[in-house]
C-alpha atoms as a PDB file:
ATOM      1  CA  MET A   1       0.000   0.000   0.000  1.00  0.00           C
ATOM      2  CA  GLY A   2       1.129   3.513  -0.764  1.00  0.00           C
ATOM      3  CA  PRO A   3       1.016   6.511   1.511  1.00  0.00           C
ATOM      4  CA  PHE A   4      -2.541   7.327   0.435  1.00  0.00           C
ATOM      5  CA  ALA A   5      -4.090   4.009   1.353  1.00  0.00           C
ATOM      6  CA  ARG A   6      -7.128   4.050   3.588  1.00  0.00           C
ATOM      7  CA  GLY A   7      -6.502   5.960   6.795  1.00  0.00           C
ATOM      8  CA  ASN A   8      -3.144   7.445   5.792  1.00  0.00           C
ATOM      9  CA  ARG A   9      -3.766  11.022   4.729  1.00  0.00           C
ATOM     10  CA  ARG A  10      -0.376  12.553   4.274  1.00  0.00           C
ATOM     11  CA  SER A  11      -0.170  15.361   1.720  1.00  0.00           C
ATOM     12  CA  LEU A  12      -3.008  14.449  -0.639  1.00  0.00           C
ATOM     13  CA  GLY A  13      -5.404  13.482   2.096  1.00  0.00           C
ATOM     14  CA  VAL A  14      -6.415  16.913   3.311  1.00  0.00           C
ATOM     15  CA  LEU A  15      -7.816  17.795  -0.078  1.00  0.00           C
ATOM     16  CA  GLY A  16     -10.300  14.984   0.174  1.00  0.00           C
ATOM     17  CA  SER A  17     -11.218  14.770   3.844  1.00  0.00           C
ATOM     18  CA  GLN A  18     -13.029  17.921   4.878  1.00  0.00           C
ATOM     19  CA  PRO A  19     -15.614  17.708   7.664  1.00  0.00           C
ATOM     20  CA  ASP A  20     -19.276  17.679   6.685  1.00  0.00           C
ATOM     21  CA  THR A  21     -19.700  21.357   7.486  1.00  0.00           C
ATOM     22  CA  ILE A  22     -17.336  22.168   4.632  1.00  0.00           C
ATOM     23  CA  GLY A  23     -19.183  19.769   2.337  1.00  0.00           C
ATOM     24  CA  GLU A  24     -22.515  21.385   3.160  1.00  0.00           C
ATOM     25  CA  ARG A  25     -21.404  24.915   2.479  1.00  0.00           C
ATOM     26  CA  ASN A  26     -19.804  23.871  -0.794  1.00  0.00           C
ATOM     27  CA  GLY A  27     -23.068  22.756  -2.295  1.00  0.00           C
ATOM     28  CA  LEU A  28     -23.705  19.071  -1.650  1.00  0.00           C
ATOM     29  CA  GLN A  29     -27.415  18.865  -2.405  1.00  0.00           C
ATOM     30  CA  VAL A  30     -28.182  15.151  -2.762  1.00  0.00           C
ATOM     31  CA  GLY A  31     -27.009  12.092  -0.852  1.00  0.00           C
ATOM     32  CA  HIS A  32     -25.070  13.787   1.929  1.00  0.00           C
ATOM     33  CA  GLY A  33     -22.918  11.261   3.797  1.00  0.00           C
ATOM     34  CA  THR A  34     -21.354  11.154   7.209  1.00  0.00           C
ATOM     35  CA  GLY A  35     -17.885  11.984   5.905  1.00  0.00           C
ATOM     36  CA  SER A  36     -14.665  11.622   7.840  1.00  0.00           C
ATOM     37  CA  LYS A  37     -12.935  13.883  10.290  1.00  0.00           C
ATOM     38  CA  ILE A  38      -9.571  15.439   9.678  1.00  0.00           C
ATOM     39  CA  GLY A  39      -6.790  13.382  11.211  1.00  0.00           C
ATOM     40  CA  GLU A  40      -3.552  14.641  12.668  1.00  0.00           C
ATOM     41  CA  ASN A  41      -1.751  13.836   9.413  1.00  0.00           C
ATOM     42  CA  ASP A  42      -4.142  16.076   7.496  1.00  0.00           C
ATOM     43  CA  ARG A  43      -2.719  19.309   8.796  1.00  0.00           C
ATOM     44  CA  PHE A  44       0.303  20.006   6.487  1.00  0.00           C
ATOM     45  CA  GLY A  45      -0.325  23.736   6.453  1.00  0.00           C
ATOM     46  CA  PHE A  46      -4.050  23.409   5.830  1.00  0.00           C
ATOM     47  CA  ALA A  47      -5.290  24.893   9.079  1.00  0.00           C
ATOM     48  CA  CYS A  48      -7.496  27.155   6.964  1.00  0.00           C
ATOM     49  CA  ILE A  49     -10.161  24.440   6.980  1.00  0.00           C
ATOM     50  CA  THR A  50     -10.949  25.247  10.598  1.00  0.00           C
ATOM     51  CA  CYS A  51     -11.693  28.834   9.503  1.00  0.00           C
ATOM     52  CA  ARG A  52     -13.614  27.664   6.429  1.00  0.00           C
ATOM     53  CA  GLY A  53     -10.940  28.099   3.812  1.00  0.00           C
ATOM     54  CA  VAL A  54     -10.455  31.858   4.026  1.00  0.00           C
ATOM     55  CA  THR A  55      -6.836  31.737   5.177  1.00  0.00           C
ATOM     56  CA  ILE A  56      -5.554  29.888   2.132  1.00  0.00           C
ATOM     57  CA  GLY A  57      -8.514  30.434  -0.165  1.00  0.00           C
ATOM     58  CA  PHE A  58      -7.861  34.109  -0.859  1.00  0.00           C
ATOM     59  CA  PRO A  59      -4.151  33.567  -1.620  1.00  0.00           C
ATOM     60  CA  ALA A  60      -5.216  30.672  -3.837  1.00  0.00           C
ATOM     61  CA  ALA A  61      -7.525  32.955  -5.782  1.00  0.00           C
ATOM     62  CA  VAL A  62      -4.765  35.540  -6.155  1.00  0.00           C
ATOM     63  CA  ALA A  63      -2.397  32.822  -7.348  1.00  0.00           C
ATOM     64  CA  GLN A  64      -4.919  31.686  -9.963  1.00  0.00           C
ATOM     65  CA  LEU A  65      -5.316  35.238 -11.221  1.00  0.00           C
ATOM     66  CA  TYR A  66      -1.550  35.600 -11.435  1.00  0.00           C
ATOM     67  CA  LEU A  67      -1.238  32.349 -13.375  1.00  0.00           C
ATOM     68  CA  LEU A  68      -3.883  33.522 -15.809  1.00  0.00           C
ATOM     69  CA  ARG A  69      -1.794  36.600 -16.507  1.00  0.00           C
ATOM     70  CA  HIS A  70       1.727  35.168 -16.297  1.00  0.00           C
ATOM     71  CA  GLY A  71       1.164  31.437 -16.519  1.00  0.00           C
ATOM     72  CA  SER A  72       3.050  28.694 -18.312  1.00  0.00           C
ATOM     73  CA  LYS A  73       1.946  26.778 -21.392  1.00  0.00           C
ATOM     74  CA  ASP A  74      -0.857  25.179 -19.354  1.00  0.00           C
ATOM     75  CA  TYR A  75      -2.511  28.587 -19.331  1.00  0.00           C
ATOM     76  CA  SER A  76      -2.243  29.336 -23.049  1.00  0.00           C
ATOM     77  CA  MET A  77      -6.032  29.507 -23.396  1.00  0.00           C
ATOM     78  CA  SER A  78      -8.406  31.542 -25.501  1.00  0.00           C
ATOM     79  CA  MET A  79      -9.881  34.819 -24.299  1.00  0.00           C
ATOM     80  CA  LYS A  80     -13.272  33.127 -23.982  1.00  0.00           C
ATOM     81  CA  SER A  81     -11.767  30.463 -21.706  1.00  0.00           C
ATOM     82  CA  ARG A  82      -9.972  33.126 -19.682  1.00  0.00           C
ATOM     83  CA  ARG A  83     -13.239  35.017 -19.183  1.00  0.00           C
ATOM     84  CA  ARG A  84     -14.981  31.839 -18.038  1.00  0.00           C
ATOM     85  CA  ARG A  85     -12.216  31.106 -15.552  1.00  0.00           C
ATOM     86  CA  LEU A  86     -12.241  34.692 -14.251  1.00  0.00           C
ATOM     87  CA  THR A  87     -16.008  34.399 -13.787  1.00  0.00           C
ATOM     88  CA  ARG A  88     -15.573  31.180 -11.782  1.00  0.00           C
ATOM     89  CA  ILE A  89     -12.865  32.776  -9.635  1.00  0.00           C
ATOM     90  CA  ALA A  90     -15.048  35.826  -8.963  1.00  0.00           C
ATOM     91  CA  ARG A  91     -17.985  33.573  -7.990  1.00  0.00           C
ATOM     92  CA  MET A  92     -15.783  31.588  -5.620  1.00  0.00           C
ATOM     93  CA  LEU A  93     -14.493  34.767  -4.009  1.00  0.00           C
ATOM     94  CA  MET A  94     -18.040  36.019  -3.522  1.00  0.00           C
ATOM     95  CA  THR A  95     -19.262  32.743  -2.005  1.00  0.00           C
ATOM     96  CA  CYS A  96     -16.037  31.924  -0.094  1.00  0.00           C
ATOM     97  CA  ASP A  97     -16.073  28.528  -1.852  1.00  0.00           C
ATOM     98  CA  PHE A  98     -12.302  28.204  -2.114  1.00  0.00           C
ATOM     99  CA  LEU A  99     -11.699  24.456  -2.136  1.00  0.00           C
ATOM    100  CA  PRO A 100     -11.487  24.101  -5.948  1.00  0.00           C
ATOM    101  CA  LEU A 101      -8.947  26.935  -6.040  1.00  0.00           C
ATOM    102  CA  VAL A 102      -6.986  25.471  -3.161  1.00  0.00           C
ATOM    103  CA  TYR A 103      -6.844  22.127  -4.929  1.00  0.00           C
ATOM    104  CA  ALA A 104      -5.744  23.732  -8.209  1.00  0.00           C
ATOM    105  CA  VAL A 105      -2.891  25.578  -6.504  1.00  0.00           C
ATOM    106  CA  TRP A 106      -1.918  22.456  -4.534  1.00  0.00           C
ATOM    107  CA  VAL A 107      -1.672  20.479  -7.786  1.00  0.00           C
ATOM    108  CA  ARG A 108       0.691  23.069  -9.217  1.00  0.00           C
ATOM    109  CA  CYS A 109       2.763  23.270  -6.044  1.00  0.00           C
ATOM    110  CA  ARG A 110       3.194  19.497  -6.226  1.00  0.00           C
ATOM    111  CA  ARG A 111       4.213  19.848  -9.896  1.00  0.00           C
ATOM    112  CA  LEU A 112       1.640  17.296 -10.978  1.00  0.00           C
ATOM    113  CA  GLU A 113       0.771  17.040 -14.640  1.00  0.00           C
ATOM    114  CA  PHE A 114      -2.950  17.651 -14.965  1.00  0.00           C
ATOM    115  CA  SER A 115      -3.306  18.407 -18.683  1.00  0.00           C
ATOM    116  CA  GLY A 116      -1.762  17.178 -21.879  1.00  0.00           C
ATOM    117  CA  ALA A 117      -2.339  16.167 -25.450  1.00  0.00           C
ATOM    118  CA  ASN A 118      -4.806  13.358 -25.994  1.00  0.00           C
ATOM    119  CA  TYR A 119      -4.231  11.492 -29.227  1.00  0.00           C
ATOM    120  CA  VAL A 120      -7.371   9.383 -28.977  1.00  0.00           C
ATOM    121  CA  SER A 121      -9.625   9.616 -32.018  1.00  0.00           C
ATOM    122  CA  PRO A 122     -13.081  11.181 -31.433  1.00  0.00           C
ATOM    123  CA  GLU A 123     -14.910   7.936 -32.208  1.00  0.00           C
ATOM    124  CA  ASN A 124     -12.978   6.104 -29.469  1.00  0.00           C
ATOM    125  CA  GLY A 125     -12.842   8.682 -26.694  1.00  0.00           C
ATOM    126  CA  PHE A 126     -13.070  12.322 -25.721  1.00  0.00           C
ATOM    127  CA  SER A 127     -10.325  14.801 -24.854  1.00  0.00           C
ATOM    128  CA  HIS A 128      -9.026  14.456 -21.312  1.00  0.00           C
ATOM    129  CA  GLN A 129     -10.104  16.607 -18.382  1.00  0.00           C
ATOM    130  CA  HIS A 130      -9.048  15.566 -14.903  1.00  0.00           C
ATOM    131  CA  SER A 131     -11.666  15.125 -12.175  1.00  0.00           C
ATOM    132  CA  GLY A 132      -9.705  14.433  -8.996  1.00  0.00           C
ATOM    133  CA  GLY A 133      -9.882  16.493  -5.833  1.00  0.00           C
ATOM    134  CA  PRO A 134     -12.306  17.456  -3.061  1.00  0.00           C
ATOM    135  CA  VAL A 135     -15.526  17.124  -5.081  1.00  0.00           C
ATOM    136  CA  LEU A 136     -14.818  13.525  -6.071  1.00  0.00           C
ATOM    137  CA  ALA A 137     -13.691  12.800  -2.506  1.00  0.00           C
ATOM    138  CA  LYS A 138     -17.042  13.986  -1.111  1.00  0.00           C
ATOM    139  CA  VAL A 139     -18.911  11.579  -3.374  1.00  0.00           C
ATOM    140  CA  ILE A 140     -16.664   8.633  -2.524  1.00  0.00           C
ATOM    141  CA  ARG A 141     -16.923   9.293   1.209  1.00  0.00           C
ATOM    142  CA  SER A 142     -20.697   9.242   1.033  1.00  0.00           C
ATOM    143  CA  LEU A 143     -20.697   5.733  -0.477  1.00  0.00           C
ATOM    144  CA  ALA A 144     -19.102   4.035   2.554  1.00  0.00           C
ATOM    145  CA  ILE A 145     -16.566   2.019   0.546  1.00  0.00           C
ATOM    146  CA  PRO A 146     -16.018  -1.446   2.119  1.00  0.00           C
ATOM    147  CA  GLU A 147     -12.561  -2.766   2.930  1.00  0.00           C
ATOM    148  CA  GLY A 148     -10.950  -4.663   0.071  1.00  0.00           C
ATOM    149  CA  SER A 149     -12.749  -2.701  -2.657  1.00  0.00           C
ATOM    150  CA  VAL A 150     -11.177  -2.365  -6.112  1.00  0.00           C
ATOM    151  CA  VAL A 151     -12.096   0.499  -8.462  1.00  0.00           C
ATOM    152  CA  LEU A 152     -11.635   0.627 -12.233  1.00  0.00           C
ATOM    153  CA  ASP A 153     -10.932   4.185 -13.424  1.00  0.00           C
ATOM    154  CA  LEU A 154     -11.886   4.296 -17.108  1.00  0.00           C
ATOM    155  CA  GLY A 155     -10.225   7.148 -18.967  1.00  0.00           C
ATOM    156  CA  VAL A 156      -7.747   7.690 -16.152  1.00  0.00           C
ATOM    157  CA  GLY A 157      -5.866  10.360 -18.115  1.00  0.00           C
ATOM    158  CA  THR A 158      -3.038  11.905 -16.107  1.00  0.00           C
ATOM    159  CA  GLY A 159      -4.074  10.024 -12.966  1.00  0.00           C
ATOM    160  CA  MET A 160      -5.488  12.874 -10.898  1.00  0.00           C
ATOM    161  CA  SER A 161      -8.744  11.033 -10.187  1.00  0.00           C
ATOM    162  CA  ALA A 162      -6.784   7.849  -9.442  1.00  0.00           C
ATOM    163  CA  LEU A 163      -4.766   9.696  -6.797  1.00  0.00           C
ATOM    164  CA  THR A 164      -7.967  10.751  -5.066  1.00  0.00           C
ATOM    165  CA  LEU A 165      -9.523   7.290  -5.389  1.00  0.00           C
ATOM    166  CA  SER A 166      -6.389   5.642  -3.972  1.00  0.00           C
ATOM    167  CA  ARG A 167      -7.249   6.991  -0.517  1.00  0.00           C
ATOM    168  CA  TYR A 168     -10.513   5.064  -0.378  1.00  0.00           C
ATOM    169  CA  PHE A 169      -9.853   1.833  -2.296  1.00  0.00           C
ATOM    170  CA  ASP A 170      -7.401  -0.962  -1.720  1.00  0.00           C
ATOM    171  CA  LEU A 171      -6.558  -0.964  -5.427  1.00  0.00           C
ATOM    172  CA  VAL A 172      -7.136   1.498  -8.275  1.00  0.00           C
ATOM    173  CA  ILE A 173      -6.883   0.145 -11.835  1.00  0.00           C
ATOM    174  CA  GLY A 174      -6.540   2.985 -14.328  1.00  0.00           C
ATOM    175  CA  VAL A 175      -7.088   2.460 -18.045  1.00  0.00           C
ATOM    176  CA  ASP A 176      -6.535   4.924 -20.879  1.00  0.00           C
ATOM    177  CA  LEU A 177      -6.058   4.591 -24.630  1.00  0.00           C
ATOM    178  CA  SER A 178      -3.511   7.421 -24.850  1.00  0.00           C
ATOM    179  CA  PRO A 179       0.152   6.416 -24.261  1.00  0.00           C
ATOM    180  CA  GLU A 180       1.023  10.062 -23.572  1.00  0.00           C
ATOM    181  CA  LEU A 181      -1.567  10.401 -20.827  1.00  0.00           C
ATOM    182  CA  ILE A 182      -0.635   7.079 -19.241  1.00  0.00           C
ATOM    183  CA  ALA A 183       3.016   8.166 -19.193  1.00  0.00           C
ATOM    184  CA  ALA A 184       2.004  11.407 -17.443  1.00  0.00           C
ATOM    185  CA  ALA A 185      -0.126   9.439 -14.961  1.00  0.00           C
ATOM    186  CA  LYS A 186       2.821   7.185 -14.126  1.00  0.00           C
ATOM    187  CA  ARG A 187       4.982  10.225 -13.449  1.00  0.00           C
ATOM    188  CA  ASN A 188       2.311  11.724 -11.171  1.00  0.00           C
ATOM    189  CA  VAL A 189       1.864   8.478  -9.241  1.00  0.00           C
ATOM    190  CA  ALA A 190       5.623   8.106  -8.839  1.00  0.00           C
ATOM    191  CA  ARG A 191       5.949  11.725  -7.724  1.00  0.00           C
ATOM    192  CA  MET A 192       3.341  11.202  -5.010  1.00  0.00           C
ATOM    193  CA  GLY A 193       4.749   7.809  -3.954  1.00  0.00           C
ATOM    194  CA  VAL A 194       1.420   5.985  -4.206  1.00  0.00           C
ATOM    195  CA  GLY A 195       1.660   2.200  -4.311  1.00  0.00           C
ATOM    196  CA  ASN A 196      -1.933   1.023  -4.820  1.00  0.00           C
ATOM    197  CA  ILE A 197      -2.496   2.286  -8.367  1.00  0.00           C
ATOM    198  CA  GLU A 198      -2.082   0.149 -11.504  1.00  0.00           C
ATOM    199  CA  LEU A 199      -2.011   1.916 -14.866  1.00  0.00           C
ATOM    200  CA  HIS A 200      -2.740   0.256 -18.195  1.00  0.00           C
ATOM    201  CA  CYS A 201      -2.502   1.707 -21.691  1.00  0.00           C
ATOM    202  CA  ALA A 202      -5.379  -0.172 -23.324  1.00  0.00           C
ATOM    203  CA  ASP A 203      -8.663   0.115 -25.177  1.00  0.00           C
ATOM    204  CA  ALA A 204     -11.478  -0.033 -22.610  1.00  0.00           C
ATOM    205  CA  ARG A 205     -13.478  -2.199 -25.002  1.00  0.00           C
ATOM    206  CA  ALA A 206     -10.847  -4.923 -24.869  1.00  0.00           C
ATOM    207  CA  PHE A 207      -9.725  -4.538 -21.267  1.00  0.00           C
ATOM    208  CA  ASN A 208     -10.697  -7.609 -19.247  1.00  0.00           C
ATOM    209  CA  ASP A 209      -7.588  -8.046 -17.107  1.00  0.00           C
ATOM    210  CA  ARG A 210      -8.632  -8.454 -13.460  1.00  0.00           C
ATOM    211  CA  LEU A 211     -12.119  -7.215 -14.331  1.00  0.00           C
ATOM    212  CA  ASP A 212     -13.750  -9.862 -12.130  1.00  0.00           C
ATOM    213  CA  ARG A 213     -12.093  -8.267  -9.067  1.00  0.00           C
ATOM    214  CA  VAL A 214     -13.608  -4.848  -9.693  1.00  0.00           C
ATOM    215  CA  THR A 215     -16.259  -3.697  -7.196  1.00  0.00           C
ATOM    216  CA  HIS A 216     -16.568  -0.086  -8.400  1.00  0.00           C
ATOM    217  CA  VAL A 217     -16.201   1.669 -11.739  1.00  0.00           C
ATOM    218  CA  TYR A 218     -15.409   5.376 -11.993  1.00  0.00           C
ATOM    219  CA  MET A 219     -15.561   7.415 -15.190  1.00  0.00           C
ATOM    220  CA  PHE A 220     -15.753  11.045 -16.230  1.00  0.00           C
ATOM    221  CA  ASN A 221     -17.625  10.822 -19.540  1.00  0.00           C
ATOM    222  CA  PRO A 222     -14.609   9.102 -21.141  1.00  0.00           C
ATOM    223  CA  PHE A 223     -16.083   7.919 -24.434  1.00  0.00           C
ATOM    224  CA  PRO A 224     -19.173   7.978 -26.686  1.00  0.00           C
ATOM    225  CA  GLU A 225     -22.146   5.651 -26.447  1.00  0.00           C
ATOM    226  CA  ALA A 226     -20.850   3.104 -28.977  1.00  0.00           C
ATOM    227  CA  VAL A 227     -17.788   2.445 -26.805  1.00  0.00           C
ATOM    228  CA  MET A 228     -19.844   2.625 -23.610  1.00  0.00           C
ATOM    229  CA  ASN A 229     -22.143  -0.166 -24.825  1.00  0.00           C
ATOM    230  CA  VAL A 230     -19.180  -2.506 -25.335  1.00  0.00           C
ATOM    231  CA  VAL A 231     -17.728  -1.670 -21.906  1.00  0.00           C
ATOM    232  CA  LEU A 232     -21.098  -2.243 -20.229  1.00  0.00           C
ATOM    233  CA  GLY A 233     -21.379  -5.586 -22.009  1.00  0.00           C
ATOM    234  CA  ASN A 234     -17.981  -6.574 -20.608  1.00  0.00           C
ATOM    235  CA  LEU A 235     -19.157  -5.657 -17.111  1.00  0.00           C
ATOM    236  CA  ARG A 236     -22.318  -7.705 -17.517  1.00  0.00           C
ATOM    237  CA  ARG A 237     -20.318 -10.758 -18.548  1.00  0.00           C
ATOM    238  CA  SER A 238     -17.951 -10.232 -15.636  1.00  0.00           C
ATOM    239  CA  LEU A 239     -20.904 -10.154 -13.240  1.00  0.00           C
ATOM    240  CA  SER A 240     -22.214 -13.383 -14.747  1.00  0.00           C
ATOM    241  CA  ARG A 241     -18.848 -15.062 -14.183  1.00  0.00           C
ATOM    242  CA  ALA A 242     -18.366 -13.640 -10.686  1.00  0.00           C
ATOM    243  CA  PRO A 243     -21.656 -12.420  -9.125  1.00  0.00           C
ATOM    244  CA  ARG A 244     -20.983  -9.534  -6.741  1.00  0.00           C
ATOM    245  CA  HIS A 245     -22.077  -6.043  -5.813  1.00  0.00           C
ATOM    246  CA  LEU A 246     -20.880  -3.539  -8.422  1.00  0.00           C
ATOM    247  CA  THR A 247     -21.247   0.240  -8.250  1.00  0.00           C
ATOM    248  CA  ILE A 248     -20.727   2.658 -11.146  1.00  0.00           C
ATOM    249  CA  ILE A 249     -19.770   6.238 -10.281  1.00  0.00           C
ATOM    250  CA  TYR A 250     -20.428   8.231 -13.446  1.00  0.00           C
ATOM    251  CA  TYR A 251     -19.394  11.885 -13.538  1.00  0.00           C
ATOM    252  CA  TYR A 252     -21.235  13.883 -16.233  1.00  0.00           C
ATOM    253  CA  PRO A 253     -23.439  10.939 -17.262  1.00  0.00           C
ATOM    254  CA  THR A 254     -24.150  11.673 -20.931  1.00  0.00           C
ATOM    255  CA  CYS A 255     -24.752   7.950 -21.585  1.00  0.00           C
ATOM    256  CA  HIS A 256     -27.252   7.554 -18.752  1.00  0.00           C
ATOM    257  CA  LYS A 257     -29.827   5.750 -20.921  1.00  0.00           C
ATOM    258  CA  ALA A 258     -27.234   3.243 -22.116  1.00  0.00           C
ATOM    259  CA  VAL A 259     -26.202   2.423 -18.542  1.00  0.00           C
ATOM    260  CA  VAL A 260     -29.800   1.860 -17.454  1.00  0.00           C
ATOM    261  CA  ALA A 261     -30.561  -0.154 -20.597  1.00  0.00           C
ATOM    262  CA  ALA A 262     -27.618  -2.430 -19.747  1.00  0.00           C
ATOM    263  CA  GLY A 263     -29.377  -3.430 -16.532  1.00  0.00           C
ATOM    264  CA  PHE A 264     -27.737  -1.116 -14.009  1.00  0.00           C
ATOM    265  CA  VAL A 265     -30.077   0.572 -11.535  1.00  0.00           C
ATOM    266  CA  HIS A 266     -29.849   4.343 -11.123  1.00  0.00           C
ATOM    267  CA  LYS A 267     -29.701   4.811  -7.345  1.00  0.00           C
ATOM    268  CA  ARG A 268     -28.913   8.458  -6.659  1.00  0.00           C
ATOM    269  CA  ASP A 269     -27.351  11.685  -7.932  1.00  0.00           C
ATOM    270  CA  PHE A 270     -24.949  14.191  -6.460  1.00  0.00           C
ATOM    271  CA  GLN A 271     -25.055  17.799  -7.622  1.00  0.00           C
ATOM    272  CA  PHE A 272     -22.385  20.265  -6.519  1.00  0.00           C
ATOM    273  CA  ARG A 273     -21.902  23.937  -7.119  1.00  0.00           C
ATOM    274  CA  HIS A 274     -19.514  24.629 -10.036  1.00  0.00           C
ATOM    275  CA  SER A 275     -19.623  20.964 -11.070  1.00  0.00           C
ATOM    276  CA  HIS A 276     -21.322  18.464 -13.336  1.00  0.00           C
ATOM    277  CA  LYS A 277     -23.645  15.844 -11.895  1.00  0.00           C
ATOM    278  CA  PHE A 278     -22.453  12.544 -10.444  1.00  0.00           C
ATOM    279  CA  ALA A 279     -24.782   9.580 -11.049  1.00  0.00           C
ATOM    280  CA  ILE A 280     -24.532   6.373  -9.008  1.00  0.00           C
ATOM    281  CA  TYR A 281     -25.630   3.040 -10.470  1.00  0.00           C
ATOM    282  CA  GLU A 282     -25.621  -0.473  -9.023  1.00  0.00           C
ATOM    283  CA  ALA A 283     -25.732  -3.916 -10.594  1.00  0.00           C
ATOM    284  CA  GLY A 284     -29.314  -5.023 -11.127  1.00  0.00           C
ATOM    285  CA  SER A 285     -30.876  -8.221 -12.368  1.00  0.00           C
ATOM    286  CA  MET A 286     -27.844  -9.334 -14.388  1.00  0.00           C
ATOM    287  CA  VAL A 287     -26.139 -10.596 -11.195  1.00  0.00           C
ATOM    288  CA  SER A 288     -28.483 -13.546 -10.982  1.00  0.00           C
ATOM    289  CA  ASN A 289     -28.569 -14.249 -14.726  1.00  0.00           C
END
């Protein structure tokens, strides 16, 4: 196990283990869970949480504004994108909702690679956007992940979501079709010293390695419906071979109808401020087929 296994919250942990009061004020509207308290190892200069993010949140906002003006190649964005980001920063300053900014600055301070070219063709997958951080952590905490759980991260990209997931699962299996993104993910995992993440450069439609061990599937709208149907078929066959409880955590669920049509039961949604919807599905009748 790496340093971000369950219960060990050095460095990365604080960005995914805020008390429920923080979760409430940051817009958790559906499916609020009990959460977890901040441990002694969660402090690493993040005492601002006890004063609701203001201490580090304002400097984080200033840092984001500076990066927009003087940033590196990661910030070579269009004027329209810059205006959208400035609008988000202004909204966060007005609402004192600083956690996304804090996470963004933390990622840069850690020199993690969170963006990069994606050479996957449009018919096989969409361009990469990372989804790790405090919002994903709130959703995972609310699901009460059992010991020994294994999550499959489809479209893992640069591994930011896998780093967050690694705190709550015994094993994270990340799959991506882009060699460049997988290489970046391996560098990020190595930089953070995490030992419970496996990364595979593979087509999700053909990936069956260790699939029967998977108890959870996480994805951030990684591919179109044609690919999704094949992946869901693979999961159905896996459940027939090894009946078990399986949960799908689907961020920005554009293929919702396909998931339900494949026999998975839509259980609940999570909607956060400044975020897409998370949909939670569980294995339905196919387990007994």
